[in-house]
Amino acid sequence: MEESIKKKVFLIAEGGTLGTYVTEGLLRLEDDVAIICLADKQSNHENLKYYKANASLDFLRN
């Protein structure tokens, strides 16, 4: 079996059905997931981090 390369993934607004499945799948692969959303969310999962912000171009550039 091939060794998986750990990825760092940035998602915008994962609150829908598709985003939820994508996030869960990435965490099962032990990837690091950062999510930007308008809600004030937190996670106890070590590979998941939420950022409360509007996904504007200015935010994404910084």
N, C-alpha and C. Protein backbone atom coordinates (compact mmCIF):
# COMPACT_ATOMS: atom_id res chain seq x y z
N MET A 1 0.84 -1.18 0.00
CA MET A 1 0.00 0.00 0.00
C MET A 1 0.88 1.24 0.00
N GLU A 2 0.53 2.23 -0.81
CA GLU A 2 1.30 3.46 -0.90
C GLU A 2 1.11 4.32 0.35
N GLU A 3 2.17 5.01 0.73
CA GLU A 3 2.09 5.92 1.86
C GLU A 3 1.42 7.22 1.41
N SER A 4 0.48 7.69 2.20
CA SER A 4 -0.25 8.92 1.88
C SER A 4 0.56 10.14 2.31
N ILE A 5 0.50 11.18 1.51
CA ILE A 5 1.16 12.43 1.84
C ILE A 5 0.15 13.31 2.57
N LYS A 6 0.52 13.78 3.76
CA LYS A 6 -0.37 14.63 4.54
C LYS A 6 -0.48 15.99 3.87
N LYS A 7 -1.74 16.45 3.68
CA LYS A 7 -1.99 17.72 3.01
C LYS A 7 -2.53 18.74 4.00
N LYS A 8 -2.35 20.02 3.65
CA LYS A 8 -2.98 21.12 4.36
C LYS A 8 -4.03 21.69 3.43
N VAL A 9 -5.29 21.65 3.86
CA VAL A 9 -6.41 22.03 3.00
C VAL A 9 -7.15 23.21 3.63
N PHE A 10 -7.50 24.19 2.81
CA PHE A 10 -8.24 25.36 3.25
C PHE A 10 -9.60 25.35 2.58
N LEU A 11 -10.67 25.28 3.37
CA LEU A 11 -12.04 25.26 2.84
C LEU A 11 -12.76 26.54 3.21
N ILE A 12 -13.65 26.97 2.34
CA ILE A 12 -14.48 28.14 2.61
C ILE A 12 -15.92 27.65 2.79
N ALA A 13 -16.49 27.95 3.96
CA ALA A 13 -17.91 27.65 4.26
C ALA A 13 -18.24 26.17 4.09
N GLU A 14 -17.81 25.34 5.02
CA GLU A 14 -18.04 23.91 4.91
C GLU A 14 -19.38 23.47 5.49
N GLY A 15 -20.26 24.40 5.81
CA GLY A 15 -21.50 24.09 6.51
C GLY A 15 -22.51 23.25 5.75
N GLY A 16 -22.41 23.16 4.45
CA GLY A 16 -23.38 22.39 3.66
C GLY A 16 -23.05 20.91 3.63
N THR A 17 -23.87 20.17 2.93
CA THR A 17 -23.71 18.72 2.84
C THR A 17 -22.37 18.34 2.21
N LEU A 18 -22.05 18.94 1.09
CA LEU A 18 -20.80 18.61 0.40
C LEU A 18 -19.58 18.96 1.25
N GLY A 19 -19.59 20.15 1.84
CA GLY A 19 -18.48 20.57 2.67
C GLY A 19 -18.28 19.68 3.88
N THR A 20 -19.38 19.22 4.47
CA THR A 20 -19.29 18.33 5.63
C THR A 20 -18.63 17.01 5.24
N TYR A 21 -19.05 16.43 4.12
CA TYR A 21 -18.46 15.17 3.66
C TYR A 21 -16.99 15.33 3.29
N VAL A 22 -16.66 16.43 2.64
CA VAL A 22 -15.27 16.68 2.27
C VAL A 22 -14.41 16.81 3.52
N THR A 23 -14.88 17.58 4.49
CA THR A 23 -14.13 17.76 5.74
C THR A 23 -13.91 16.43 6.45
N GLU A 24 -14.97 15.65 6.60
CA GLU A 24 -14.85 14.35 7.27
C GLU A 24 -13.88 13.43 6.55
N GLY A 25 -13.93 13.42 5.23
CA GLY A 25 -13.02 12.58 4.45
C GLY A 25 -11.57 13.00 4.61
N LEU A 26 -11.32 14.30 4.59
CA LEU A 26 -9.96 14.80 4.75
C LEU A 26 -9.42 14.47 6.15
N LEU A 27 -10.27 14.59 7.16
CA LEU A 27 -9.83 14.27 8.51
C LEU A 27 -9.56 12.78 8.67
N ARG A 28 -10.33 11.94 7.99
CA ARG A 28 -10.07 10.49 8.03
C ARG A 28 -8.70 10.17 7.42
N LEU A 29 -8.29 10.96 6.44
CA LEU A 29 -6.98 10.79 5.81
C LEU A 29 -5.86 11.44 6.63
N GLU A 30 -6.24 12.04 7.77
CA GLU A 30 -5.32 12.72 8.69
C GLU A 30 -4.69 13.97 8.09
N ASP A 31 -5.40 14.60 7.14
CA ASP A 31 -4.95 15.88 6.59
C ASP A 31 -5.28 17.00 7.57
N ASP A 32 -4.56 18.11 7.48
CA ASP A 32 -4.86 19.30 8.26
C ASP A 32 -5.89 20.12 7.50
N VAL A 33 -6.98 20.50 8.17
CA VAL A 33 -8.07 21.22 7.53
C VAL A 33 -8.30 22.54 8.26
N ALA A 34 -8.26 23.63 7.51
CA ALA A 34 -8.58 24.97 8.03
C ALA A 34 -9.84 25.43 7.30
N ILE A 35 -10.80 25.93 8.07
CA ILE A 35 -12.09 26.33 7.49
C ILE A 35 -12.39 27.77 7.86
N ILE A 36 -12.77 28.55 6.87
CA ILE A 36 -13.22 29.92 7.10
C ILE A 36 -14.74 29.92 6.98
N CYS A 37 -15.41 30.48 8.00
CA CYS A 37 -16.87 30.54 7.96
C CYS A 37 -17.34 31.73 8.80
N LEU A 38 -18.59 32.10 8.64
CA LEU A 38 -19.14 33.23 9.37
C LEU A 38 -19.57 32.85 10.78
N ALA A 39 -19.80 31.57 11.02
CA ALA A 39 -20.22 31.11 12.35
C ALA A 39 -19.01 31.01 13.27
N ASP A 40 -19.27 31.15 14.55
CA ASP A 40 -18.22 31.04 15.56
C ASP A 40 -18.12 29.58 15.99
N LYS A 41 -17.31 28.79 15.29
CA LYS A 41 -17.19 27.35 15.55
C LYS A 41 -15.85 27.02 16.16
N GLN A 42 -15.83 25.93 16.90
CA GLN A 42 -14.59 25.40 17.47
C GLN A 42 -14.60 23.89 17.30
N SER A 43 -13.42 23.31 17.33
CA SER A 43 -13.30 21.86 17.22
C SER A 43 -12.25 21.36 18.18
N ASN A 44 -12.48 20.17 18.70
CA ASN A 44 -11.49 19.51 19.55
C ASN A 44 -10.55 18.63 18.73
N HIS A 45 -10.81 18.51 17.44
CA HIS A 45 -9.98 17.68 16.57
C HIS A 45 -8.66 18.41 16.31
N GLU A 46 -7.55 17.73 16.55
CA GLU A 46 -6.24 18.39 16.41
C GLU A 46 -5.90 18.81 14.99
N ASN A 47 -6.56 18.23 13.99
CA ASN A 47 -6.27 18.56 12.59
C ASN A 47 -7.28 19.52 11.98
N LEU A 48 -8.18 20.06 12.81
CA LEU A 48 -9.24 20.93 12.29
C LEU A 48 -9.21 22.27 13.01
N LYS A 49 -9.18 23.35 12.23
CA LYS A 49 -9.18 24.70 12.80
C LYS A 49 -10.17 25.57 12.04
N TYR A 50 -10.98 26.32 12.80
CA TYR A 50 -11.95 27.24 12.21
C TYR A 50 -11.46 28.68 12.33
N TYR A 51 -11.76 29.47 11.32
CA TYR A 51 -11.49 30.90 11.33
C TYR A 51 -12.81 31.62 11.09
N LYS A 52 -13.24 32.44 12.05
CA LYS A 52 -14.47 33.19 11.86
C LYS A 52 -14.14 34.46 11.10
N ALA A 53 -14.58 34.52 9.86
CA ALA A 53 -14.29 35.68 9.01
C ALA A 53 -15.12 35.60 7.75
N ASN A 54 -15.17 36.71 7.05
CA ASN A 54 -15.79 36.77 5.73
C ASN A 54 -14.68 36.42 4.73
N ALA A 55 -14.96 35.56 3.80
CA ALA A 55 -13.96 35.09 2.84
C ALA A 55 -13.72 36.12 1.75
N SER A 56 -13.30 37.29 2.14
CA SER A 56 -13.01 38.34 1.18
C SER A 56 -11.60 38.15 0.59
N LEU A 57 -11.35 38.79 -0.51
CA LEU A 57 -10.01 38.70 -1.12
C LEU A 57 -8.95 39.27 -0.19
N ASP A 58 -9.28 40.32 0.54
CA ASP A 58 -8.31 40.90 1.48
C ASP A 58 -7.93 39.89 2.57
N PHE A 59 -8.92 39.17 3.10
CA PHE A 59 -8.63 38.16 4.12
C PHE A 59 -7.77 37.04 3.55
N LEU A 60 -8.12 36.58 2.36
CA LEU A 60 -7.40 35.46 1.76
C LEU A 60 -5.97 35.81 1.38
N ARG A 61 -5.72 37.05 1.07
CA ARG A 61 -4.36 37.48 0.71
C ARG A 61 -3.43 37.50 1.91
N ASN A 62 -3.98 37.71 3.10
CA ASN A 62 -3.17 37.78 4.32
C ASN A 62 -3.00 36.45 4.88
